[in-house]
């Protein structure tokens, strides 16, 4: 058996746990005491400080890394991606975030691989993508026909998933290690965020928000998601490839839905269950991971 597979699968599980926790605390943060720019400052500023030796020192990157790949890293996995998710979390429940972001990631990755490398999808992977598309379409139809403003968040989640697929594909061509990639993305995202803070905010809510809320976001956003999550997902890409890396999204919708129900009292509706029944198996099939062949 390929030695990369167990390491990649373990990293995929870690990335899924971190991703679900990040979605939950993001939804909690933007609906209680903080706004998206405040949370973005914690999400990117703290990892940038922790990892600054890597992006300011000699190990900041590979000299062979294409400049466009580095730009796409920041766009797809940095500040633009984060702001889309945090803005969408103001409108839509956490369960929507889990279903639309995790479900559309394999679709976006497959489209990107097709455009960039001419990679075709066959067999069970195609079946998985069809299941995902049907599940998301049925779930989206219910959102658009209701009076709830959640459809706005759903659209932002779809856009964010497309950017994350760009990050997945770009990381495979940037020549950076997972730690270097995390340092590069967080460092440049912080630099891009500072002008936005000066332009759009008079007094950050971080200064007046309850300290438990700030501490939760600082640890969850800055350390767990900003450092550990980004590194874990980069390991998945390195070991399994961009298409298989989407396997880490398979359990995210379930974990996020259950976590939101237990922590924030969000209802688990029949529409959510139907979407999970289609999207989760679809993600597994679309990842292309197969059991090892018998000798």
Protein backbone atom coordinates (compact mmCIF):
# COMPACT_ATOMS: atom_id res chain seq x y z
CA UNK A 1 0.00 0.00 0.00
CA UNK A 2 1.16 3.50 -0.78
CA UNK A 3 2.67 4.99 2.39
CA UNK A 4 1.24 8.39 1.49
CA UNK A 5 -2.33 7.10 1.81
CA UNK A 6 -2.57 6.52 5.62
CA UNK A 7 -0.75 9.77 6.35
CA UNK A 8 -2.99 11.63 3.95
CA UNK A 9 -6.16 10.09 5.40
CA UNK A 10 -5.10 10.96 8.95
CA UNK A 11 -4.39 14.54 7.89
CA UNK A 12 -7.76 14.59 6.10
CA UNK A 13 -9.54 13.63 9.33
CA UNK A 14 -7.67 16.33 11.24
CA UNK A 15 -8.51 18.90 8.57
CA UNK A 16 -12.18 17.90 8.72
CA UNK A 17 -12.35 18.33 12.50
CA UNK A 18 -10.64 21.70 12.29
CA UNK A 19 -12.84 22.80 9.39
CA UNK A 20 -16.05 21.95 11.21
CA UNK A 21 -14.92 23.67 14.40
CA UNK A 22 -13.95 26.75 12.39
CA UNK A 23 -17.37 26.92 10.76
CA UNK A 24 -19.13 26.70 14.12
CA UNK A 25 -17.10 29.36 15.89
CA UNK A 26 -17.29 31.63 12.83
CA UNK A 27 -21.09 31.44 12.85
CA UNK A 28 -21.12 32.03 16.59
CA UNK A 29 -18.75 34.99 16.35
CA UNK A 30 -20.52 36.96 13.61
CA UNK A 31 -23.95 36.45 15.20
CA UNK A 32 -22.99 37.53 18.73
CA UNK A 33 -20.41 40.20 19.53
CA UNK A 34 -17.93 40.47 16.63
CA UNK A 35 -18.04 41.37 12.94
CA UNK A 36 -16.25 39.69 10.01
CA UNK A 37 -13.29 42.11 9.96
CA UNK A 38 -12.65 41.61 13.68
CA UNK A 39 -12.65 37.84 13.29
CA UNK A 40 -10.52 38.06 10.14
CA UNK A 41 -7.91 40.00 12.11
CA UNK A 42 -7.68 37.16 14.63
CA UNK A 43 -7.85 34.50 11.91
CA UNK A 44 -4.90 35.83 9.93
CA UNK A 45 -3.06 38.17 12.29
CA UNK A 46 -2.28 35.63 15.02
CA UNK A 47 -0.90 32.95 12.63
CA UNK A 48 1.07 35.64 10.81
CA UNK A 49 2.79 36.57 14.08
CA UNK A 50 3.36 32.95 15.10
CA UNK A 51 4.80 31.99 11.71
CA UNK A 52 6.57 35.24 10.85
CA UNK A 53 10.07 33.64 10.97
CA UNK A 54 9.03 31.49 8.00
CA UNK A 55 7.73 34.27 5.76
CA UNK A 56 10.17 36.96 6.81
CA UNK A 57 13.29 34.84 7.15
CA UNK A 58 15.31 32.71 4.79
CA UNK A 59 12.68 29.96 4.67
CA UNK A 60 9.87 32.22 3.43
CA UNK A 61 9.33 30.35 0.18
CA UNK A 62 10.76 28.46 -2.73
CA UNK A 63 12.65 30.49 -5.35
CA UNK A 64 11.11 28.27 -8.03
CA UNK A 65 7.53 28.99 -6.95
CA UNK A 66 5.57 30.59 -9.83
CA UNK A 67 4.39 34.05 -8.90
CA UNK A 68 0.87 33.39 -10.14
CA UNK A 69 0.63 30.28 -7.95
CA UNK A 70 1.59 32.36 -4.91
CA UNK A 71 -1.02 34.97 -5.77
CA UNK A 72 -3.68 32.29 -6.13
CA UNK A 73 -2.64 30.82 -2.79
CA UNK A 74 -3.49 34.07 -1.02
CA UNK A 75 -6.70 34.62 -2.98
CA UNK A 76 -7.96 31.06 -2.62
CA UNK A 77 -6.92 30.27 0.94
CA UNK A 78 -6.41 33.70 2.45
CA UNK A 79 -8.33 36.88 3.13
CA UNK A 80 -10.79 36.86 0.17
CA UNK A 81 -11.85 33.32 1.05
CA UNK A 82 -12.16 34.10 4.75
CA UNK A 83 -14.22 37.25 4.26
CA UNK A 84 -16.67 35.43 1.98
CA UNK A 85 -17.22 32.73 4.60
CA UNK A 86 -17.56 35.16 7.50
CA UNK A 87 -19.95 37.38 5.56
CA UNK A 88 -22.04 34.38 4.54
CA UNK A 89 -22.17 33.16 8.15
CA UNK A 90 -24.08 36.32 9.02
CA UNK A 91 -26.94 35.25 6.75
CA UNK A 92 -27.05 31.44 6.71
CA UNK A 93 -27.00 28.79 9.48
CA UNK A 94 -23.90 26.73 10.13
CA UNK A 95 -25.50 23.64 8.59
CA UNK A 96 -25.77 25.51 5.28
CA UNK A 97 -22.08 26.36 5.53
CA UNK A 98 -21.14 22.73 5.99
CA UNK A 99 -23.28 21.44 3.13
CA UNK A 100 -22.56 24.10 0.51
CA UNK A 101 -18.85 24.58 1.17
CA UNK A 102 -17.97 20.93 1.64
CA UNK A 103 -20.24 19.79 -1.18
CA UNK A 104 -19.15 22.30 -3.77
CA UNK A 105 -15.44 21.78 -3.07
CA UNK A 106 -15.15 18.50 -5.07
CA UNK A 107 -17.20 20.05 -7.89
CA UNK A 108 -15.01 23.14 -8.02
CA UNK A 109 -11.84 21.07 -7.81
CA UNK A 110 -12.96 18.80 -10.65
CA UNK A 111 -13.82 21.80 -12.83
CA UNK A 112 -10.49 23.45 -12.04
CA UNK A 113 -8.54 20.28 -12.80
CA UNK A 114 -10.43 19.93 -16.08
CA UNK A 115 -9.67 23.51 -17.11
CA UNK A 116 -6.08 23.58 -15.89
CA UNK A 117 -4.85 20.09 -16.79
CA UNK A 118 -7.56 18.64 -18.99
CA UNK A 119 -8.27 16.01 -16.35
CA UNK A 120 -11.45 14.02 -17.04
CA UNK A 121 -13.77 12.49 -14.46
CA UNK A 122 -14.99 8.92 -14.98
CA UNK A 123 -16.73 6.12 -13.13
CA UNK A 124 -17.50 6.44 -9.44
CA UNK A 125 -16.04 9.93 -9.26
CA UNK A 126 -18.57 11.12 -11.81
CA UNK A 127 -21.37 9.39 -9.88
CA UNK A 128 -20.21 11.16 -6.72
CA UNK A 129 -20.21 14.56 -8.38
CA UNK A 130 -23.73 13.96 -9.70
CA UNK A 131 -24.95 13.05 -6.19
CA UNK A 132 -23.39 16.21 -4.80
CA UNK A 133 -24.95 18.37 -7.49
CA UNK A 134 -28.42 16.88 -6.95
CA UNK A 135 -28.22 17.20 -3.17
CA UNK A 136 -27.06 20.81 -3.28
CA UNK A 137 -29.64 21.74 -5.94
CA UNK A 138 -32.52 20.34 -3.87
CA UNK A 139 -31.25 22.05 -0.75
CA UNK A 140 -30.73 25.36 -2.55
CA UNK A 141 -34.23 25.22 -4.02
CA UNK A 142 -35.69 25.20 -0.53
CA UNK A 143 -33.57 28.18 0.50
CA UNK A 144 -34.49 30.29 -2.52
CA UNK A 145 -38.22 29.63 -2.14
CA UNK A 146 -38.36 30.61 1.52
CA UNK A 147 -38.56 34.07 3.09
CA UNK A 148 -35.29 33.51 4.94
CA UNK A 149 -32.24 35.53 3.85
CA UNK A 150 -30.09 32.39 4.08
CA UNK A 151 -29.82 32.18 0.29
CA UNK A 152 -27.42 35.15 0.38
CA UNK A 153 -25.09 33.26 2.66
CA UNK A 154 -25.44 30.13 0.52
CA UNK A 155 -24.22 32.02 -2.55
CA UNK A 156 -21.25 33.37 -0.61
CA UNK A 157 -20.40 29.87 0.62
CA UNK A 158 -20.42 28.59 -2.96
CA UNK A 159 -18.08 31.39 -4.01
CA UNK A 160 -15.79 30.64 -1.06
CA UNK A 161 -15.64 26.95 -1.99
CA UNK A 162 -14.57 27.90 -5.51
CA UNK A 163 -11.73 29.97 -4.07
CA UNK A 164 -10.68 27.08 -1.81
CA UNK A 165 -10.52 24.82 -4.86
CA UNK A 166 -8.21 27.39 -6.44
CA UNK A 167 -6.02 27.17 -3.32
CA UNK A 168 -5.99 23.37 -3.53
CA UNK A 169 -4.81 23.40 -7.12
CA UNK A 170 -2.33 26.25 -6.64
CA UNK A 171 -0.63 24.65 -3.65
CA UNK A 172 0.38 21.68 -5.75
CA UNK A 173 2.37 24.03 -8.03
CA UNK A 174 3.82 26.54 -5.57
CA UNK A 175 6.75 24.46 -4.30
CA UNK A 176 6.17 25.43 -0.65
CA UNK A 177 6.03 23.14 2.35
CA UNK A 178 2.77 23.09 4.36
CA UNK A 179 4.30 25.33 7.05
CA UNK A 180 5.72 27.75 4.50
CA UNK A 181 2.38 27.87 2.72
CA UNK A 182 0.53 28.65 5.95
CA UNK A 183 3.02 31.39 6.82
CA UNK A 184 2.82 32.91 3.34
CA UNK A 185 -0.99 32.92 3.16
CA UNK A 186 -1.51 34.31 6.66
CA UNK A 187 1.23 36.91 6.34
CA UNK A 188 -0.01 38.41 3.10
CA UNK A 189 -3.64 38.18 4.22
CA UNK A 190 -2.80 40.26 7.28
CA UNK A 191 -1.10 42.90 5.15
CA UNK A 192 -4.16 43.05 2.89
CA UNK A 193 -6.49 43.28 5.88
CA UNK A 194 -4.87 46.25 7.60
CA UNK A 195 -6.06 48.87 5.05
CA UNK A 196 -9.58 47.46 5.25
CA UNK A 197 -9.59 47.85 9.02
CA UNK A 198 -8.46 51.46 8.76
CA UNK A 199 -11.02 52.26 6.06
CA UNK A 200 -14.17 50.48 7.23
CA UNK A 201 -13.98 50.46 11.04
CA UNK A 202 -13.75 53.32 13.52
CA UNK A 203 -13.30 51.25 16.67
CA UNK A 204 -12.87 47.47 16.46
CA UNK A 205 -15.39 45.48 18.46
CA UNK A 206 -12.50 43.44 19.80
CA UNK A 207 -11.89 46.26 22.30
CA UNK A 208 -15.42 46.14 23.75
CA UNK A 209 -16.48 42.50 23.23
CA UNK A 210 -16.56 40.12 26.23
CA UNK A 211 -13.17 38.55 26.74
CA UNK A 212 -14.45 34.92 26.59
CA UNK A 213 -15.77 35.59 23.07
CA UNK A 214 -12.47 37.16 22.01
CA UNK A 215 -10.46 34.31 23.57
CA UNK A 216 -12.60 31.69 21.81
CA UNK A 217 -12.10 33.34 18.44
CA UNK A 218 -8.39 33.96 19.06
CA UNK A 219 -7.70 30.30 19.82
CA UNK A 220 -10.14 28.79 17.33
CA UNK A 221 -9.45 31.15 14.45
CA UNK A 222 -5.82 32.08 15.00
CA UNK A 223 -4.23 28.88 16.28
CA UNK A 224 -6.50 25.94 15.40
CA UNK A 225 -7.80 27.07 11.99
CA UNK A 226 -5.10 29.54 10.96
CA UNK A 227 -2.13 27.29 11.68
CA UNK A 228 -3.13 23.68 12.33
CA UNK A 229 -6.00 23.53 9.86
CA UNK A 230 -4.12 25.10 6.98
CA UNK A 231 -1.07 22.90 7.57
CA UNK A 232 -3.19 19.73 7.86
CA UNK A 233 -5.01 20.43 4.61
CA UNK A 234 -1.73 21.21 2.86
CA UNK A 235 -0.42 17.82 4.00
CA UNK A 236 -3.54 16.21 2.53
CA UNK A 237 -2.88 17.88 -0.82
CA UNK A 238 0.78 16.85 -0.74
CA UNK A 239 -0.01 13.21 0.09
CA UNK A 240 -3.27 12.61 -1.79
CA UNK A 241 -3.50 15.32 -4.45
CA UNK A 242 -6.08 18.06 -4.88
CA UNK A 243 -8.94 15.78 -5.97
CA UNK A 244 -8.48 13.29 -3.14
CA UNK A 245 -7.94 16.11 -0.66
CA UNK A 246 -11.63 16.88 -0.95
CA UNK A 247 -12.21 13.64 1.00
CA UNK A 248 -11.53 15.68 4.14
CA UNK A 249 -14.80 17.49 3.46
CA UNK A 250 -16.89 14.30 3.69
CA UNK A 251 -17.59 14.44 7.43
CA UNK A 252 -17.61 18.24 7.75
CA UNK A 253 -21.33 18.71 6.92
CA UNK A 254 -22.33 16.07 9.48
CA UNK A 255 -20.07 17.42 12.23
CA UNK A 256 -21.11 21.01 11.58
CA UNK A 257 -24.83 20.16 11.54
CA UNK A 258 -24.63 18.18 14.78
CA UNK A 259 -22.43 20.79 16.43
CA UNK A 260 -24.75 23.63 15.45
CA UNK A 261 -27.76 21.72 16.79
CA UNK A 262 -26.10 21.00 20.14
CA UNK A 263 -24.31 24.34 20.63
CA UNK A 264 -26.51 26.94 18.92
CA UNK A 265 -29.86 25.19 18.82
CA UNK A 266 -30.13 25.13 15.02
CA UNK A 267 -32.85 22.70 13.88
CA UNK A 268 -32.00 19.61 11.83
CA UNK A 269 -34.73 19.68 9.20
CA UNK A 270 -35.77 17.06 6.67
CA UNK A 271 -34.16 19.17 3.93
CA UNK A 272 -30.85 19.08 5.79
CA UNK A 273 -31.02 15.30 6.23
CA UNK A 274 -31.83 14.79 2.54
CA UNK A 275 -28.93 17.00 1.50
CA UNK A 276 -26.56 15.14 3.82
CA UNK A 277 -27.74 11.78 2.47
CA UNK A 278 -26.73 12.83 -1.04
CA UNK A 279 -23.77 15.13 -0.48
CA UNK A 280 -21.74 13.09 2.02
CA UNK A 281 -21.61 9.83 -0.02
CA UNK A 282 -21.05 11.95 -3.11
CA UNK A 283 -17.96 13.55 -1.57
CA UNK A 284 -16.54 10.13 -0.70
CA UNK A 285 -17.09 8.80 -4.22
CA UNK A 286 -15.85 11.99 -5.87
CA UNK A 287 -12.61 11.92 -3.90
CA UNK A 288 -11.40 8.89 -5.86
CA UNK A 289 -10.01 7.12 -2.80
CA UNK A 290 -10.27 3.36 -3.19
CA UNK A 291 -9.51 0.57 -0.74
CA UNK A 292 -6.10 -1.06 -1.21
CA UNK A 293 -6.04 -3.97 -3.62
CA UNK A 294 -5.64 -7.47 -2.18
CA UNK A 295 -2.39 -9.27 -3.01
